[in-house]
Amino acid sequence: MNVRKIVLLFGMVSLLGLALAACGGKPDLGTAENPIIMSFVPSGDTQDIIASGDTLAKMITDRTGLTVKSNVGTDFSSVREAMCAGQAQIGWLNTFNYVLANEQCGVDAALATSRFGSSTYAGQIIVRADSGIATLEDLRGKVMCWVDPASTSGYIIPRIMLSANGINPDTDFSQTIEAGSHNNVVTQVYNGDCDAGATFSDARTGIEEEFPDVLEKVVVLATTSDIPNDSVSFIKDFPAEMRTKVVAALLDISASPEGQEALNTLYNIESLVESSDSFYDVFRADLSRAGINIEDLAK
C-alpha cells in the first residue's frame, strides 16, 4: 500500500470516528457525565453560598436521582450569562437578572423565595447613625456605596427612588463605590468608608455576628417600594419532566429542617414558594414608569 493510500485510509477512519462520536451525542442531562449546573449569585458571604449551594445540590440529587452540581457566579450578571449560554441550567437569580434573562433567552421562573412570611422585599439606603445625614437631600456630595449595577435592591430600585426625590445618582455624589455584595456595602458604611449605601432590607443583620453593634451604628435612612423576591429559574429548553422533579424536590427541601438551615445560610431564605414569570410584572412596570430600558441597565 503506498503512502497516499495509507493517508487516505487514516483520514477515513478519523472521520468515521468523529461521526460515531457525533451520533453518540452528549450524555443525558442529570447524569454524572453531564450534571445539571445550578448557579448562585454572590449576594452575601461567598463561602456560605458555596457551602449551602453544595448542600442543596446534594439534597436535590438524593431526592431525584439526578446529578446536580452547584457553583457561584463571579458577579450578579455572570449567572444570567451562563444560563443564556447554556452553561448553567438552574439559576438563583435576583429580580433584575431574572427579568433580563427572561427577555434575552427565555429563562423561566418556577419558584420565588420567601422571607419574613413574604415573597416581596424592599431596598434601603443606610448611613452611620453619627453621620449627620437625616434626609435624602443630605446625600448630595457624599460617598455612596452600591452593591453592583445588576443588583435590584442594591442599585436599580434605590436609584429610581433617589431620582424621584430630585437626587441624580450619577452626578450628585462626590464618589460612588461598587462593593460587590450587600454585606460589603453594610461593612463599608459601618467602617466609614462610605457615607451611605444601598442594600436589601435589612442587610445589616448579615454582618451582625462580626459587628454586634451594627444595628446601632448603622441606621436606615429610607426604604424603597416593594420588590418581587429572587427566583429559582430554569433555562428555556430544560426538560419539563425533569423540571417538575427538581421543583418538587426543592419544595420538599424547603419544608425540612436541614433544608431550611441551608436556605437560611444561603440568602436568609425562610422558604420557597411556587411562582411564575407574571410575578415579576410589577418590577417591569416600575422600570417602565421610570422610563428605564432594562437592556440599557445591562450595558
Protein backbone atom coordinates (compact mmCIF):
# COMPACT_ATOMS: atom_id res chain seq x y z
CA MET A 1 0.00 0.00 0.00
CA ASN A 2 1.51 3.36 -0.96
CA VAL A 3 1.78 6.38 1.31
CA ARG A 4 -1.11 8.19 -0.36
CA LYS A 5 -3.48 5.27 0.26
CA ILE A 6 -2.35 5.00 3.86
CA VAL A 7 -3.01 8.72 4.46
CA LEU A 8 -6.41 8.43 2.76
CA LEU A 9 -7.34 5.38 4.82
CA PHE A 10 -6.25 7.10 8.04
CA GLY A 11 -8.35 10.14 7.16
CA MET A 12 -11.42 8.00 6.50
CA VAL A 13 -11.01 6.18 9.83
CA SER A 14 -10.68 9.51 11.65
CA LEU A 15 -13.82 10.88 10.01
CA LEU A 16 -15.70 7.69 10.86
CA GLY A 17 -14.63 8.04 14.49
CA LEU A 18 -15.86 11.64 14.61
CA ALA A 19 -19.16 10.64 13.01
CA LEU A 20 -19.69 7.86 15.54
CA ALA A 21 -18.91 10.24 18.39
CA ALA A 22 -21.41 12.74 16.99
CA CYS A 23 -24.07 10.03 16.74
CA GLY A 24 -23.43 9.11 20.34
CA GLY A 25 -24.25 12.70 21.33
CA LYS A 26 -23.84 14.35 24.69
CA PRO A 27 -24.60 12.25 27.78
CA ASP A 28 -28.10 12.70 29.19
CA LEU A 29 -28.61 15.79 31.34
CA GLY A 30 -28.63 14.96 35.03
CA THR A 31 -26.05 12.19 34.80
CA ALA A 32 -22.57 12.17 36.33
CA GLU A 33 -21.13 12.77 32.84
CA ASN A 34 -23.45 15.75 32.21
CA PRO A 35 -24.66 17.12 35.55
CA ILE A 36 -27.30 19.80 35.96
CA ILE A 37 -25.48 23.01 36.87
CA MET A 38 -27.23 25.14 39.49
CA SER A 39 -25.68 28.60 39.77
CA PHE A 40 -25.98 31.18 42.55
CA VAL A 41 -25.43 34.96 42.58
CA PRO A 42 -22.78 36.20 45.07
CA SER A 43 -25.08 38.45 47.09
CA GLY A 44 -23.77 37.51 50.56
CA ASP A 45 -20.80 35.70 52.04
CA THR A 46 -19.35 33.69 49.16
CA GLN A 47 -18.10 30.81 51.31
CA ASP A 48 -21.53 30.43 52.92
CA ILE A 49 -23.16 30.43 49.49
CA ILE A 50 -20.74 27.79 48.19
CA ALA A 51 -21.32 25.54 51.21
CA SER A 52 -25.11 25.85 51.25
CA GLY A 53 -25.29 25.60 47.45
CA ASP A 54 -23.41 22.31 47.57
CA THR A 55 -25.73 21.08 50.33
CA LEU A 56 -28.84 21.97 48.33
CA ALA A 57 -27.45 20.31 45.19
CA LYS A 58 -26.83 17.08 47.12
CA MET A 59 -30.33 17.23 48.61
CA ILE A 60 -31.84 17.52 45.13
CA THR A 61 -29.71 14.61 43.92
CA ASP A 62 -30.78 12.48 46.88
CA ARG A 63 -34.46 13.18 46.20
CA THR A 64 -34.48 12.89 42.40
CA GLY A 65 -31.58 10.67 41.39
CA LEU A 66 -30.40 13.49 39.11
CA THR A 67 -26.80 14.62 39.40
CA VAL A 68 -26.77 18.31 40.31
CA LYS A 69 -23.66 20.43 40.85
CA SER A 70 -23.59 23.98 42.19
CA ASN A 71 -21.38 26.98 41.59
CA VAL A 72 -21.31 30.68 42.49
CA GLY A 73 -21.06 33.34 39.80
CA THR A 74 -18.26 35.88 39.84
CA ASP A 75 -20.88 38.63 39.88
CA PHE A 76 -24.65 39.03 39.57
CA SER A 77 -24.70 39.12 35.77
CA SER A 78 -22.49 36.06 35.27
CA VAL A 79 -25.24 33.67 36.37
CA ARG A 80 -27.65 35.13 33.81
CA GLU A 81 -24.97 34.99 31.12
CA ALA A 82 -24.15 31.37 31.97
CA MET A 83 -27.82 30.39 31.69
CA CYS A 84 -28.25 32.16 28.37
CA ALA A 85 -25.11 30.40 27.09
CA GLY A 86 -26.38 27.00 28.26
CA GLN A 87 -23.54 26.67 30.77
CA ALA A 88 -25.96 26.55 33.72
CA GLN A 89 -29.48 25.14 33.69
CA ILE A 90 -30.85 26.39 37.02
CA GLY A 91 -30.20 29.86 38.42
CA TRP A 92 -30.98 31.52 41.72
CA LEU A 93 -31.38 34.94 40.16
CA ASN A 94 -32.04 38.32 41.71
CA THR A 95 -35.07 40.15 40.30
CA PHE A 96 -33.24 42.30 37.74
CA ASN A 97 -31.21 39.47 36.26
CA TYR A 98 -34.23 37.19 36.14
CA VAL A 99 -36.31 39.70 34.16
CA LEU A 100 -33.40 40.40 31.82
CA ALA A 101 -32.66 36.68 31.35
CA ASN A 102 -36.32 36.05 30.57
CA GLU A 103 -36.21 38.76 27.92
CA GLN A 104 -32.87 37.71 26.46
CA CYS A 105 -33.15 33.93 26.36
CA GLY A 106 -36.48 32.77 27.79
CA VAL A 107 -35.30 31.78 31.27
CA ASP A 108 -38.45 30.97 33.27
CA ALA A 109 -39.19 31.32 36.99
CA ALA A 110 -40.57 28.31 38.86
CA LEU A 111 -40.06 29.32 42.49
CA ALA A 112 -39.70 32.51 44.49
CA THR A 113 -38.03 32.95 47.84
CA SER A 114 -39.94 33.93 50.97
CA ARG A 115 -38.54 35.90 53.90
CA PHE A 116 -40.41 37.07 56.97
CA GLY A 117 -43.52 35.44 55.55
CA SER A 118 -43.44 37.47 52.33
CA SER A 119 -42.34 36.86 48.74
CA THR A 120 -41.60 40.57 48.28
CA TYR A 121 -38.94 42.73 49.88
CA ALA A 122 -37.62 46.27 49.78
CA GLY A 123 -34.39 48.10 49.25
CA GLN A 124 -32.96 50.55 51.72
CA ILE A 125 -30.41 53.33 51.97
CA ILE A 126 -28.30 53.16 55.11
CA VAL A 127 -26.00 55.66 56.83
CA ARG A 128 -23.98 55.76 60.02
CA ALA A 129 -26.02 56.96 62.99
CA ASP A 130 -23.43 59.67 63.71
CA SER A 131 -23.18 60.87 60.09
CA GLY A 132 -25.48 63.86 60.43
CA ILE A 133 -27.38 62.65 57.36
CA ALA A 134 -31.11 62.94 58.08
CA THR A 135 -32.73 63.22 54.63
CA LEU A 136 -32.10 62.06 51.09
CA GLU A 137 -31.20 65.66 50.25
CA ASP A 138 -28.30 65.40 52.69
CA LEU A 139 -26.71 62.75 50.46
CA ARG A 140 -25.54 65.34 47.93
CA GLY A 141 -21.76 65.45 47.80
CA LYS A 142 -21.37 62.26 49.84
CA VAL A 143 -19.65 58.95 49.06
CA MET A 144 -22.24 56.36 48.00
CA CYS A 145 -21.81 52.59 48.09
CA TRP A 146 -23.71 50.40 45.61
CA VAL A 147 -23.74 46.61 45.51
CA ASP A 148 -23.46 46.00 41.76
CA PRO A 149 -25.11 47.63 38.71
CA ALA A 150 -27.13 44.42 38.26
CA SER A 151 -28.42 44.42 41.86
CA THR A 152 -32.15 45.14 42.10
CA SER A 153 -32.24 46.42 45.69
CA GLY A 154 -28.59 47.44 45.91
CA TYR A 155 -28.60 49.64 42.80
CA ILE A 156 -31.57 49.81 40.43
CA ILE A 157 -34.59 50.49 42.65
CA PRO A 158 -32.74 52.84 45.06
CA ARG A 159 -31.57 54.87 42.07
CA ILE A 160 -35.17 55.15 40.89
CA MET A 161 -36.17 56.33 44.38
CA LEU A 162 -33.36 58.88 44.50
CA SER A 163 -34.26 60.24 41.06
CA ALA A 164 -37.90 60.59 42.13
CA ASN A 165 -36.68 62.71 45.06
CA GLY A 166 -34.58 65.02 42.92
CA ILE A 167 -31.22 63.34 43.52
CA ASN A 168 -29.23 62.47 40.40
CA PRO A 169 -27.42 59.22 41.29
CA ASP A 170 -24.88 59.78 38.51
CA THR A 171 -23.81 63.33 39.37
CA ASP A 172 -24.86 64.29 42.90
CA PHE A 173 -22.38 62.12 44.83
CA SER A 174 -18.73 63.03 45.31
CA GLN A 175 -17.80 59.39 44.71
CA THR A 176 -19.53 56.06 44.12
CA ILE A 177 -18.15 52.64 45.02
CA GLU A 178 -19.33 49.22 43.82
CA ALA A 179 -18.79 47.00 46.85
CA GLY A 180 -19.78 43.72 45.18
CA SER A 181 -22.18 42.38 47.81
CA HIS A 182 -24.78 43.58 50.31
CA ASN A 183 -22.58 42.53 53.23
CA ASN A 184 -19.72 44.58 51.82
CA VAL A 185 -21.91 47.68 51.49
CA VAL A 186 -23.02 47.45 55.13
CA THR A 187 -19.43 46.87 56.24
CA GLN A 188 -18.13 49.88 54.31
CA VAL A 189 -20.81 52.14 55.78
CA TYR A 190 -20.11 50.73 59.25
CA ASN A 191 -16.39 51.43 58.83
CA GLY A 192 -17.00 54.92 57.46
CA ASP A 193 -15.55 54.15 54.03
CA CYS A 194 -18.89 55.17 52.51
CA ASP A 195 -21.28 57.81 53.83
CA ALA A 196 -24.30 55.88 52.59
CA GLY A 197 -25.11 52.58 50.92
CA ALA A 198 -27.92 50.78 49.14
CA THR A 199 -28.88 47.22 50.14
CA PHE A 200 -31.87 44.97 50.59
CA SER A 201 -33.84 45.40 53.81
CA ASP A 202 -32.41 44.51 56.34
CA ALA A 203 -28.96 43.53 55.13
CA ARG A 204 -27.40 44.86 58.34
CA THR A 205 -28.10 41.55 60.06
CA GLY A 206 -25.74 39.83 57.60
CA ILE A 207 -22.70 41.23 59.43
CA GLU A 208 -24.18 41.31 62.94
CA GLU A 209 -22.11 38.32 64.07
CA GLU A 210 -18.90 40.11 63.12
CA PHE A 211 -20.09 43.56 64.23
CA PRO A 212 -22.64 43.07 67.06
CA ASP A 213 -23.39 46.80 67.32
CA VAL A 214 -24.15 47.28 63.62
CA LEU A 215 -27.87 47.91 64.22
CA GLU A 216 -26.98 50.84 66.48
CA LYS A 217 -24.07 52.20 64.44
CA VAL A 218 -25.79 51.92 61.02
CA VAL A 219 -29.36 53.17 60.57
CA VAL A 220 -31.92 53.11 57.76
CA LEU A 221 -32.36 56.48 56.04
CA ALA A 222 -35.03 55.47 53.51
CA THR A 223 -36.85 52.40 52.24
CA THR A 224 -37.98 51.67 48.67
CA SER A 225 -41.29 50.32 47.42
CA ASP A 226 -41.86 46.55 47.41
CA ILE A 227 -39.82 44.39 45.02
CA PRO A 228 -40.60 40.78 43.99
CA ASN A 229 -38.19 38.38 45.69
CA ASP A 230 -35.45 36.50 43.87
CA SER A 231 -36.30 33.41 41.85
CA VAL A 232 -35.25 29.86 41.19
CA SER A 233 -35.38 29.72 37.41
CA PHE A 234 -34.78 27.25 34.59
CA ILE A 235 -33.41 27.65 31.09
CA LYS A 236 -35.97 27.64 28.29
CA ASP A 237 -35.31 24.12 26.99
CA PHE A 238 -34.96 22.39 30.37
CA PRO A 239 -36.87 19.08 30.14
CA ALA A 240 -40.38 19.55 31.58
CA GLU A 241 -40.49 16.24 33.47
CA MET A 242 -37.08 16.89 34.99
CA ARG A 243 -38.12 20.42 35.97
CA THR A 244 -41.19 19.06 37.77
CA LYS A 245 -38.97 16.68 39.76
CA VAL A 246 -36.49 19.39 40.73
CA VAL A 247 -39.22 21.83 41.77
CA ALA A 248 -40.94 19.17 43.88
CA ALA A 249 -37.59 18.32 45.48
CA LEU A 250 -36.85 21.95 46.31
CA LEU A 251 -40.29 22.43 47.87
CA ASP A 252 -39.71 19.31 49.96
CA ILE A 253 -36.26 20.56 50.94
CA SER A 254 -37.77 23.92 51.89
CA ALA A 255 -40.13 22.15 54.31
CA SER A 256 -37.38 20.13 56.02
CA PRO A 257 -35.29 21.36 58.99
CA GLU A 258 -31.98 20.68 57.23
CA GLY A 259 -33.25 22.38 54.07
CA GLN A 260 -34.41 25.44 55.99
CA GLU A 261 -30.99 25.69 57.59
CA ALA A 262 -29.26 25.57 54.19
CA LEU A 263 -31.66 28.13 52.71
CA ASN A 264 -31.19 30.48 55.64
CA THR A 265 -27.41 30.25 55.31
CA LEU A 266 -27.68 30.75 51.56
CA TYR A 267 -29.67 34.00 51.34
CA ASN A 268 -31.61 34.28 54.63
CA ILE A 269 -34.48 32.41 52.95
CA GLU A 270 -37.33 31.14 55.14
CA SER A 271 -38.98 29.04 52.45
CA LEU A 272 -39.57 28.57 48.73
CA VAL A 273 -42.97 29.11 47.12
CA GLU A 274 -44.25 28.27 43.66
CA SER A 275 -44.11 31.21 41.28
CA SER A 276 -44.20 32.15 37.60
CA ASP A 277 -42.94 34.80 35.24
CA SER A 278 -46.01 37.02 35.75
CA PHE A 279 -44.99 37.56 39.39
CA TYR A 280 -42.27 39.88 38.08
CA ASP A 281 -44.60 42.09 36.04
CA VAL A 282 -44.75 44.62 38.91
CA PHE A 283 -40.99 45.14 38.60
CA ARG A 284 -41.31 45.53 34.84
CA ALA A 285 -43.99 48.17 35.47
CA ASP A 286 -41.68 50.05 37.88
CA LEU A 287 -38.99 50.19 35.22
CA SER A 288 -41.49 51.30 32.59
CA ARG A 289 -42.85 54.13 34.77
CA ALA A 290 -39.30 55.32 35.39
CA GLY A 291 -38.61 55.29 31.64
CA ILE A 292 -35.88 52.69 32.06
CA ASN A 293 -34.98 50.17 29.36
CA ILE A 294 -33.76 47.03 31.11
CA GLU A 295 -31.33 46.27 28.28
CA ASP A 296 -29.67 49.64 28.87
CA LEU A 297 -29.08 48.76 32.53
CA ALA A 298 -27.18 45.65 31.47
CA LYS A 299 -24.64 47.58 29.41
